[in-house]
Amino acid sequence: MGKNKLRRFAENDTFPNLIQPEFNEVFRTDYSLKGQWGKSFFKNDKPIVLELGCGKGEYTVGMAKMFPEKNFIGIDIKGARLWRGAKTAQECEMSNVAFIRTRIENITSFFSKDEVSEIWITFPDPQLKRINALKRLTSSVFLEMYKTFLKPQGLIHLKTDSLVLHRYTRSLTELNGLKVHRSSEDIYSSGIDDSILSIKTFYEGQFLKKGLPITYICFELSNDQPFIEYKCQRT
């Protein structure tokens, strides 16, 4: 492991805005802050917004700057990446930002019913092979997880360079009767005027340099029935 990573891991341990639970604190059990993020961590009752697979935290920090009336939590498993977001938030003295180092599969250990208002998923692994479809962060498996803590009519935002993932997610919303607020297969040529979509992550910059279109979909998670999985075409 490089010296840079070791230095970042050591500094991560000093950040009060970076939560790094041990395996036994979240595996098949509830983390101590579950249901208590507003009261015990942020010490307010502002809406909580998650960014899943947040990487370096550019979106988490960017949204927190735009919306000081909300609290933001970025989640990722890569500590070296989280270091950047946590450090930036500390340097900017941002009290409405937190990060959690964990796998998304553990997310139900962290949040209680109606504790989260919105979810952002930015440039996740599209899991292009058909056999990996259930690993996609918008699959029925993950939607069932989000449903346990997302408020009624809570919004899920997906921003990705993958047309496959975008179209799969759109098909899943149609199959399950979920209300779609906005959808575009190329946000920068569609005329969508939204400052929050203008936040660019490191990876988005790389995709744009390659000339790849950036897609976006925003939908409500309002189905009380078990979600039906979309049967992907062979890839």
C-alpha atoms as a PDB file:
ATOM      1  CA  MET A   1       0.000   0.000   0.000  1.00  0.00           C
ATOM      2  CA  GLY A   2       1.362   3.426  -0.986  1.00  0.00           C
ATOM      3  CA  LYS A   3       2.396   6.042   1.573  1.00  0.00           C
ATOM      4  CA  ASN A   4      -0.314   8.373   0.289  1.00  0.00           C
ATOM      5  CA  LYS A   5      -3.039   5.853   1.092  1.00  0.00           C
ATOM      6  CA  LEU A   6      -1.603   5.128   4.512  1.00  0.00           C
ATOM      7  CA  ARG A   7      -1.482   8.840   5.289  1.00  0.00           C
ATOM      8  CA  ARG A   8      -5.085   9.287   4.172  1.00  0.00           C
ATOM      9  CA  PHE A   9      -6.299   6.313   6.184  1.00  0.00           C
ATOM     10  CA  ALA A  10      -4.593   7.722   9.268  1.00  0.00           C
ATOM     11  CA  GLU A  11      -6.123  11.147   8.689  1.00  0.00           C
ATOM     12  CA  ASN A  12      -9.549   9.565   8.142  1.00  0.00           C
ATOM     13  CA  ASP A  13      -9.461   8.391  11.743  1.00  0.00           C
ATOM     14  CA  THR A  14      -9.298  12.020  12.881  1.00  0.00           C
ATOM     15  CA  PHE A  15     -12.308  13.277  10.911  1.00  0.00           C
ATOM     16  CA  PRO A  16     -15.453  13.640  13.064  1.00  0.00           C
ATOM     17  CA  ASN A  17     -17.579  13.728   9.897  1.00  0.00           C
ATOM     18  CA  LEU A  18     -16.412  10.283   8.677  1.00  0.00           C
ATOM     19  CA  ILE A  19     -18.069   7.227  10.223  1.00  0.00           C
ATOM     20  CA  GLN A  20     -16.105   3.969   9.826  1.00  0.00           C
ATOM     21  CA  PRO A  21     -17.963   1.199  11.671  1.00  0.00           C
ATOM     22  CA  GLU A  22     -16.441  -2.184  12.360  1.00  0.00           C
ATOM     23  CA  PHE A  23     -17.914  -5.201  10.564  1.00  0.00           C
ATOM     24  CA  ASN A  24     -19.637  -6.498  13.689  1.00  0.00           C
ATOM     25  CA  GLU A  25     -21.319  -3.115  14.232  1.00  0.00           C
ATOM     26  CA  VAL A  26     -23.367  -3.381  11.028  1.00  0.00           C
ATOM     27  CA  PHE A  27     -23.522  -7.024   9.943  1.00  0.00           C
ATOM     28  CA  ARG A  28     -27.069  -8.235  10.631  1.00  0.00           C
ATOM     29  CA  THR A  29     -27.450  -5.626  13.348  1.00  0.00           C
ATOM     30  CA  ASP A  30     -28.391  -1.947  13.672  1.00  0.00           C
ATOM     31  CA  TYR A  31     -25.682   0.684  13.873  1.00  0.00           C
ATOM     32  CA  SER A  32     -25.869   2.947  16.921  1.00  0.00           C
ATOM     33  CA  LEU A  33     -26.878   6.039  14.892  1.00  0.00           C
ATOM     34  CA  LYS A  34     -29.780   4.324  13.133  1.00  0.00           C
ATOM     35  CA  GLY A  35     -32.825   6.515  13.649  1.00  0.00           C
ATOM     36  CA  GLN A  36     -30.684   9.113  15.420  1.00  0.00           C
ATOM     37  CA  TRP A  37     -28.844  10.936  12.626  1.00  0.00           C
ATOM     38  CA  GLY A  38     -30.793  14.159  13.028  1.00  0.00           C
ATOM     39  CA  LYS A  39     -30.875  14.224  16.810  1.00  0.00           C
ATOM     40  CA  SER A  40     -27.465  12.786  17.706  1.00  0.00           C
ATOM     41  CA  PHE A  41     -25.188  13.552  14.748  1.00  0.00           C
ATOM     42  CA  PHE A  42     -26.437  16.662  12.909  1.00  0.00           C
ATOM     43  CA  LYS A  43     -28.337  17.917  15.962  1.00  0.00           C
ATOM     44  CA  ASN A  44     -31.242  19.244  13.893  1.00  0.00           C
ATOM     45  CA  ASP A  45     -34.345  17.967  12.129  1.00  0.00           C
ATOM     46  CA  LYS A  46     -33.410  18.972   8.584  1.00  0.00           C
ATOM     47  CA  PRO A  47     -34.124  16.513   5.721  1.00  0.00           C
ATOM     48  CA  ILE A  48     -31.424  13.901   5.122  1.00  0.00           C
ATOM     49  CA  VAL A  49     -30.149  13.194   1.594  1.00  0.00           C
ATOM     50  CA  LEU A  50     -27.873  10.254   0.739  1.00  0.00           C
ATOM     51  CA  GLU A  51     -25.332   9.857  -2.048  1.00  0.00           C
ATOM     52  CA  LEU A  52     -24.568   6.186  -2.670  1.00  0.00           C
ATOM     53  CA  GLY A  53     -21.181   5.215  -4.081  1.00  0.00           C
ATOM     54  CA  CYS A  54     -20.079   8.800  -3.503  1.00  0.00           C
ATOM     55  CA  GLY A  55     -16.391   8.282  -4.374  1.00  0.00           C
ATOM     56  CA  LYS A  56     -14.497  11.468  -3.571  1.00  0.00           C
ATOM     57  CA  GLY A  57     -17.673  13.142  -2.352  1.00  0.00           C
ATOM     58  CA  GLU A  58     -17.869  15.865  -4.988  1.00  0.00           C
ATOM     59  CA  TYR A  59     -21.643  15.582  -5.254  1.00  0.00           C
ATOM     60  CA  THR A  60     -22.211  15.262  -1.529  1.00  0.00           C
ATOM     61  CA  VAL A  61     -20.178  18.386  -0.801  1.00  0.00           C
ATOM     62  CA  GLY A  62     -21.532  20.253  -3.838  1.00  0.00           C
ATOM     63  CA  MET A  63     -25.155  19.641  -2.853  1.00  0.00           C
ATOM     64  CA  ALA A  64     -24.454  20.531   0.780  1.00  0.00           C
ATOM     65  CA  LYS A  65     -23.116  23.909  -0.339  1.00  0.00           C
ATOM     66  CA  MET A  66     -26.190  24.536  -2.495  1.00  0.00           C
ATOM     67  CA  PHE A  67     -28.699  23.414   0.124  1.00  0.00           C
ATOM     68  CA  PRO A  68     -27.607  24.371   3.658  1.00  0.00           C
ATOM     69  CA  GLU A  69     -31.179  23.657   4.779  1.00  0.00           C
ATOM     70  CA  LYS A  70     -30.571  19.916   4.273  1.00  0.00           C
ATOM     71  CA  ASN A  71     -28.138  17.334   5.668  1.00  0.00           C
ATOM     72  CA  PHE A  72     -26.091  15.168   3.312  1.00  0.00           C
ATOM     73  CA  ILE A  73     -24.448  11.770   3.846  1.00  0.00           C
ATOM     74  CA  GLY A  74     -22.101  10.219   1.289  1.00  0.00           C
ATOM     75  CA  ILE A  75     -21.542   6.465   1.392  1.00  0.00           C
ATOM     76  CA  ASP A  76     -18.694   4.489  -0.148  1.00  0.00           C
ATOM     77  CA  ILE A  77     -16.405   1.591   0.742  1.00  0.00           C
ATOM     78  CA  LYS A  78     -13.187   3.228  -0.506  1.00  0.00           C
ATOM     79  CA  GLY A  79     -11.517   5.059   2.373  1.00  0.00           C
ATOM     80  CA  ALA A  80      -8.877   6.733   0.217  1.00  0.00           C
ATOM     81  CA  ARG A  81     -11.608   8.336  -1.882  1.00  0.00           C
ATOM     82  CA  LEU A  82     -13.760   9.348   1.084  1.00  0.00           C
ATOM     83  CA  TRP A  83     -10.739  11.155   2.521  1.00  0.00           C
ATOM     84  CA  ARG A  84     -11.089  13.871  -0.123  1.00  0.00           C
ATOM     85  CA  GLY A  85     -14.753  14.611   0.605  1.00  0.00           C
ATOM     86  CA  ALA A  86     -14.383  14.449   4.377  1.00  0.00           C
ATOM     87  CA  LYS A  87     -11.303  16.704   4.313  1.00  0.00           C
ATOM     88  CA  THR A  88     -12.986  19.270   2.044  1.00  0.00           C
ATOM     89  CA  ALA A  89     -16.054  19.390   4.289  1.00  0.00           C
ATOM     90  CA  GLN A  90     -13.813  19.851   7.337  1.00  0.00           C
ATOM     91  CA  GLU A  91     -11.775  22.608   5.713  1.00  0.00           C
ATOM     92  CA  CYS A  92     -14.971  24.412   4.688  1.00  0.00           C
ATOM     93  CA  GLU A  93     -16.434  23.960   8.194  1.00  0.00           C
ATOM     94  CA  MET A  94     -19.572  22.334   6.785  1.00  0.00           C
ATOM     95  CA  SER A  95     -21.815  21.042   9.540  1.00  0.00           C
ATOM     96  CA  ASN A  96     -24.391  19.480   7.198  1.00  0.00           C
ATOM     97  CA  VAL A  97     -22.075  16.844   5.674  1.00  0.00           C
ATOM     98  CA  ALA A  98     -21.140  13.350   6.811  1.00  0.00           C
ATOM     99  CA  PHE A  99     -19.623  10.283   5.204  1.00  0.00           C
ATOM    100  CA  ILE A 100     -19.963   6.588   5.983  1.00  0.00           C
ATOM    101  CA  ARG A 101     -17.419   4.001   4.956  1.00  0.00           C
ATOM    102  CA  THR A 102     -19.413   0.820   4.336  1.00  0.00           C
ATOM    103  CA  ARG A 103     -20.825  -1.382   1.605  1.00  0.00           C
ATOM    104  CA  ILE A 104     -24.184  -0.319   0.210  1.00  0.00           C
ATOM    105  CA  GLU A 105     -25.460  -3.816   1.004  1.00  0.00           C
ATOM    106  CA  ASN A 106     -25.314  -2.799   4.698  1.00  0.00           C
ATOM    107  CA  ILE A 107     -27.404   0.319   4.257  1.00  0.00           C
ATOM    108  CA  THR A 108     -30.479  -0.892   6.153  1.00  0.00           C
ATOM    109  CA  SER A 109     -28.299  -1.136   9.268  1.00  0.00           C
ATOM    110  CA  PHE A 110     -27.879   2.646   9.261  1.00  0.00           C
ATOM    111  CA  PHE A 111     -31.290   4.204   8.654  1.00  0.00           C
ATOM    112  CA  SER A 112     -34.782   3.813  10.122  1.00  0.00           C
ATOM    113  CA  LYS A 113     -38.249   4.160   8.621  1.00  0.00           C
ATOM    114  CA  ASP A 114     -38.830   7.594   7.024  1.00  0.00           C
ATOM    115  CA  GLU A 115     -35.379   8.840   8.075  1.00  0.00           C
ATOM    116  CA  VAL A 116     -34.180   9.728   4.549  1.00  0.00           C
ATOM    117  CA  SER A 117     -35.810  12.171   2.111  1.00  0.00           C
ATOM    118  CA  GLU A 118     -33.809  11.614  -1.093  1.00  0.00           C
ATOM    119  CA  ILE A 119     -31.194   9.309  -2.585  1.00  0.00           C
ATOM    120  CA  TRP A 120     -28.633  10.234  -5.227  1.00  0.00           C
ATOM    121  CA  ILE A 121     -26.777   7.530  -7.146  1.00  0.00           C
ATOM    122  CA  THR A 122     -23.966   9.050  -9.211  1.00  0.00           C
ATOM    123  CA  PHE A 123     -21.970   7.059 -11.766  1.00  0.00           C
ATOM    124  CA  PRO A 124     -22.195   3.633 -10.125  1.00  0.00           C
ATOM    125  CA  ASP A 125     -20.803   0.436 -11.594  1.00  0.00           C
ATOM    126  CA  PRO A 126     -23.452  -0.364 -14.261  1.00  0.00           C
ATOM    127  CA  GLN A 127     -22.958  -4.131 -13.842  1.00  0.00           C
ATOM    128  CA  LEU A 128     -23.380  -4.690 -17.565  1.00  0.00           C
ATOM    129  CA  LYS A 129     -23.522  -8.479 -17.532  1.00  0.00           C
ATOM    130  CA  ARG A 130     -27.083  -9.763 -17.353  1.00  0.00           C
ATOM    131  CA  ILE A 131     -26.253 -12.133 -14.495  1.00  0.00           C
ATOM    132  CA  ASN A 132     -25.141  -9.121 -12.432  1.00  0.00           C
ATOM    133  CA  ALA A 133     -28.340  -7.106 -12.901  1.00  0.00           C
ATOM    134  CA  LEU A 134     -29.456  -7.549  -9.293  1.00  0.00           C
ATOM    135  CA  LYS A 135     -26.208  -5.900  -8.170  1.00  0.00           C
ATOM    136  CA  ARG A 136     -27.227  -2.656  -9.866  1.00  0.00           C
ATOM    137  CA  LEU A 137     -28.004   0.025  -7.294  1.00  0.00           C
ATOM    138  CA  THR A 138     -31.416   0.599  -8.877  1.00  0.00           C
ATOM    139  CA  SER A 139     -32.380  -3.086  -9.034  1.00  0.00           C
ATOM    140  CA  SER A 140     -35.470  -4.391  -7.253  1.00  0.00           C
ATOM    141  CA  VAL A 141     -33.190  -5.811  -4.529  1.00  0.00           C
ATOM    142  CA  PHE A 142     -31.844  -2.375  -3.637  1.00  0.00           C
ATOM    143  CA  LEU A 143     -35.189  -0.625  -4.099  1.00  0.00           C
ATOM    144  CA  GLU A 144     -36.591  -2.946  -1.431  1.00  0.00           C
ATOM    145  CA  MET A 145     -33.778  -1.830   0.880  1.00  0.00           C
ATOM    146  CA  TYR A 146     -34.342   1.870   0.186  1.00  0.00           C
ATOM    147  CA  LYS A 147     -38.062   1.459   0.801  1.00  0.00           C
ATOM    148  CA  THR A 148     -37.392   0.590   4.450  1.00  0.00           C
ATOM    149  CA  PHE A 149     -36.036   4.073   5.247  1.00  0.00           C
ATOM    150  CA  LEU A 150     -37.038   6.457   2.441  1.00  0.00           C
ATOM    151  CA  LYS A 151     -39.960   8.761   3.216  1.00  0.00           C
ATOM    152  CA  PRO A 152     -43.233   8.322   1.278  1.00  0.00           C
ATOM    153  CA  GLN A 153     -42.838   9.791  -2.223  1.00  0.00           C
ATOM    154  CA  GLY A 154     -39.113  10.049  -1.523  1.00  0.00           C
ATOM    155  CA  LEU A 155     -37.023  10.709  -4.614  1.00  0.00           C
ATOM    156  CA  ILE A 156     -34.263   8.618  -6.162  1.00  0.00           C
ATOM    157  CA  HIS A 157     -31.902  10.315  -8.618  1.00  0.00           C
ATOM    158  CA  LEU A 158     -29.651   8.345 -10.964  1.00  0.00           C
ATOM    159  CA  LYS A 159     -26.964  10.163 -12.935  1.00  0.00           C
ATOM    160  CA  THR A 160     -24.814   7.908 -15.117  1.00  0.00           C
ATOM    161  CA  ASP A 161     -22.897   7.661 -18.366  1.00  0.00           C
ATOM    162  CA  SER A 162     -24.353   4.174 -18.933  1.00  0.00           C
ATOM    163  CA  LEU A 163     -27.307   4.083 -21.325  1.00  0.00           C
ATOM    164  CA  VAL A 164     -27.787   0.438 -20.360  1.00  0.00           C
ATOM    165  CA  LEU A 165     -28.219   1.298 -16.678  1.00  0.00           C
ATOM    166  CA  HIS A 166     -30.399   4.307 -17.468  1.00  0.00           C
ATOM    167  CA  ARG A 167     -32.738   2.355 -19.744  1.00  0.00           C
ATOM    168  CA  TYR A 168     -32.848  -0.572 -17.323  1.00  0.00           C
ATOM    169  CA  THR A 169     -33.868   1.791 -14.507  1.00  0.00           C
ATOM    170  CA  ARG A 170     -36.482   3.489 -16.688  1.00  0.00           C
ATOM    171  CA  SER A 171     -37.936   0.084 -17.604  1.00  0.00           C
ATOM    172  CA  LEU A 172     -38.011  -0.905 -13.936  1.00  0.00           C
ATOM    173  CA  THR A 173     -39.977   2.238 -13.034  1.00  0.00           C
ATOM    174  CA  GLU A 174     -42.492   1.513 -15.798  1.00  0.00           C
ATOM    175  CA  LEU A 175     -42.860  -2.120 -14.778  1.00  0.00           C
ATOM    176  CA  ASN A 176     -43.536  -1.140 -11.161  1.00  0.00           C
ATOM    177  CA  GLY A 177     -45.688   1.907 -11.842  1.00  0.00           C
ATOM    178  CA  LEU A 178     -43.268   4.357 -10.246  1.00  0.00           C
ATOM    179  CA  LYS A 179     -43.750   8.037 -10.999  1.00  0.00           C
ATOM    180  CA  VAL A 180     -40.892   9.482 -13.059  1.00  0.00           C
ATOM    181  CA  HIS A 181     -40.321  13.202 -12.558  1.00  0.00           C
ATOM    182  CA  ARG A 182     -37.604  13.695 -15.154  1.00  0.00           C
ATOM    183  CA  SER A 183     -35.624  11.547 -17.527  1.00  0.00           C
ATOM    184  CA  SER A 184     -33.010  12.353 -20.151  1.00  0.00           C
ATOM    185  CA  GLU A 185     -30.503  10.310 -22.120  1.00  0.00           C
ATOM    186  CA  ASP A 186     -28.278  13.365 -22.602  1.00  0.00           C
ATOM    187  CA  ILE A 187     -28.772  16.070 -19.989  1.00  0.00           C
ATOM    188  CA  TYR A 188     -26.306  18.550 -21.500  1.00  0.00           C
ATOM    189  CA  SER A 189     -28.071  18.653 -24.859  1.00  0.00           C
ATOM    190  CA  SER A 190     -31.624  18.324 -23.539  1.00  0.00           C
ATOM    191  CA  GLY A 191     -32.084  21.871 -22.312  1.00  0.00           C
ATOM    192  CA  ILE A 192     -32.580  20.821 -18.695  1.00  0.00           C
ATOM    193  CA  ASP A 193     -31.686  23.864 -16.623  1.00  0.00           C
ATOM    194  CA  ASP A 194     -30.802  22.639 -13.164  1.00  0.00           C
ATOM    195  CA  SER A 195     -27.818  23.800 -11.143  1.00  0.00           C
ATOM    196  CA  ILE A 196     -27.731  20.594  -9.122  1.00  0.00           C
ATOM    197  CA  LEU A 197     -27.173  18.549 -12.296  1.00  0.00           C
ATOM    198  CA  SER A 198     -24.264  20.823 -13.210  1.00  0.00           C
ATOM    199  CA  ILE A 199     -22.170  19.461 -10.328  1.00  0.00           C
ATOM    200  CA  LYS A 200     -19.519  17.294 -11.954  1.00  0.00           C
ATOM    201  CA  THR A 201     -17.614  14.451 -10.338  1.00  0.00           C
ATOM    202  CA  PHE A 202     -14.090  13.442 -11.330  1.00  0.00           C
ATOM    203  CA  TYR A 203     -15.479  10.466 -13.232  1.00  0.00           C
ATOM    204  CA  GLU A 204     -18.064  12.566 -15.041  1.00  0.00           C
ATOM    205  CA  GLY A 205     -15.291  14.808 -16.292  1.00  0.00           C
ATOM    206  CA  GLN A 206     -13.506  11.767 -17.714  1.00  0.00           C
ATOM    207  CA  PHE A 207     -16.679  10.530 -19.423  1.00  0.00           C
ATOM    208  CA  LEU A 208     -17.365  13.945 -20.959  1.00  0.00           C
ATOM    209  CA  LYS A 209     -13.834  14.113 -22.344  1.00  0.00           C
ATOM    210  CA  LYS A 210     -14.579  10.841 -24.132  1.00  0.00           C
ATOM    211  CA  GLY A 211     -17.725  12.351 -25.611  1.00  0.00           C
ATOM    212  CA  LEU A 212     -20.095  10.106 -23.685  1.00  0.00           C
ATOM    213  CA  PRO A 213     -23.631  11.417 -23.013  1.00  0.00           C
ATOM    214  CA  ILE A 214     -24.615  11.813 -19.365  1.00  0.00           C
ATOM    215  CA  THR A 215     -28.052  10.442 -18.510  1.00  0.00           C
ATOM    216  CA  TYR A 216     -30.397  11.285 -15.644  1.00  0.00           C
ATOM    217  CA  ILE A 217     -33.609   9.951 -14.183  1.00  0.00           C
ATOM    218  CA  CYS A 218     -35.526  11.057 -11.081  1.00  0.00           C
ATOM    219  CA  PHE A 219     -38.383   8.928  -9.774  1.00  0.00           C
ATOM    220  CA  GLU A 220     -40.523   8.375  -6.682  1.00  0.00           C
ATOM    221  CA  LEU A 221     -40.260   5.257  -4.581  1.00  0.00           C
ATOM    222  CA  SER A 222     -43.963   5.003  -3.816  1.00  0.00           C
ATOM    223  CA  ASN A 223     -44.886   1.362  -4.391  1.00  0.00           C
ATOM    224  CA  ASP A 224     -46.125  -0.472  -1.286  1.00  0.00           C
ATOM    225  CA  GLN A 225     -45.989  -3.851  -3.031  1.00  0.00           C
ATOM    226  CA  PRO A 226     -42.846  -5.969  -3.549  1.00  0.00           C
ATOM    227  CA  PHE A 227     -40.946  -4.719  -6.557  1.00  0.00           C
ATOM    228  CA  ILE A 228     -40.943  -6.746  -9.767  1.00  0.00           C
ATOM    229  CA  GLU A 229     -37.535  -7.165 -11.369  1.00  0.00           C
ATOM    230  CA  TYR A 230     -37.089  -6.191 -14.997  1.00  0.00           C
ATOM    231  CA  LYS A 231     -35.858  -9.094 -17.114  1.00  0.00           C
ATOM    232  CA  CYS A 232     -32.798  -7.773 -18.903  1.00  0.00           C
ATOM    233  CA  GLN A 233     -31.890  -8.689 -22.425  1.00  0.00           C
ATOM    234  CA  ARG A 234     -28.756 -10.746 -22.839  1.00  0.00           C
ATOM    235  CA  THR A 235     -25.580  -8.681 -22.938  1.00  0.00           C
END
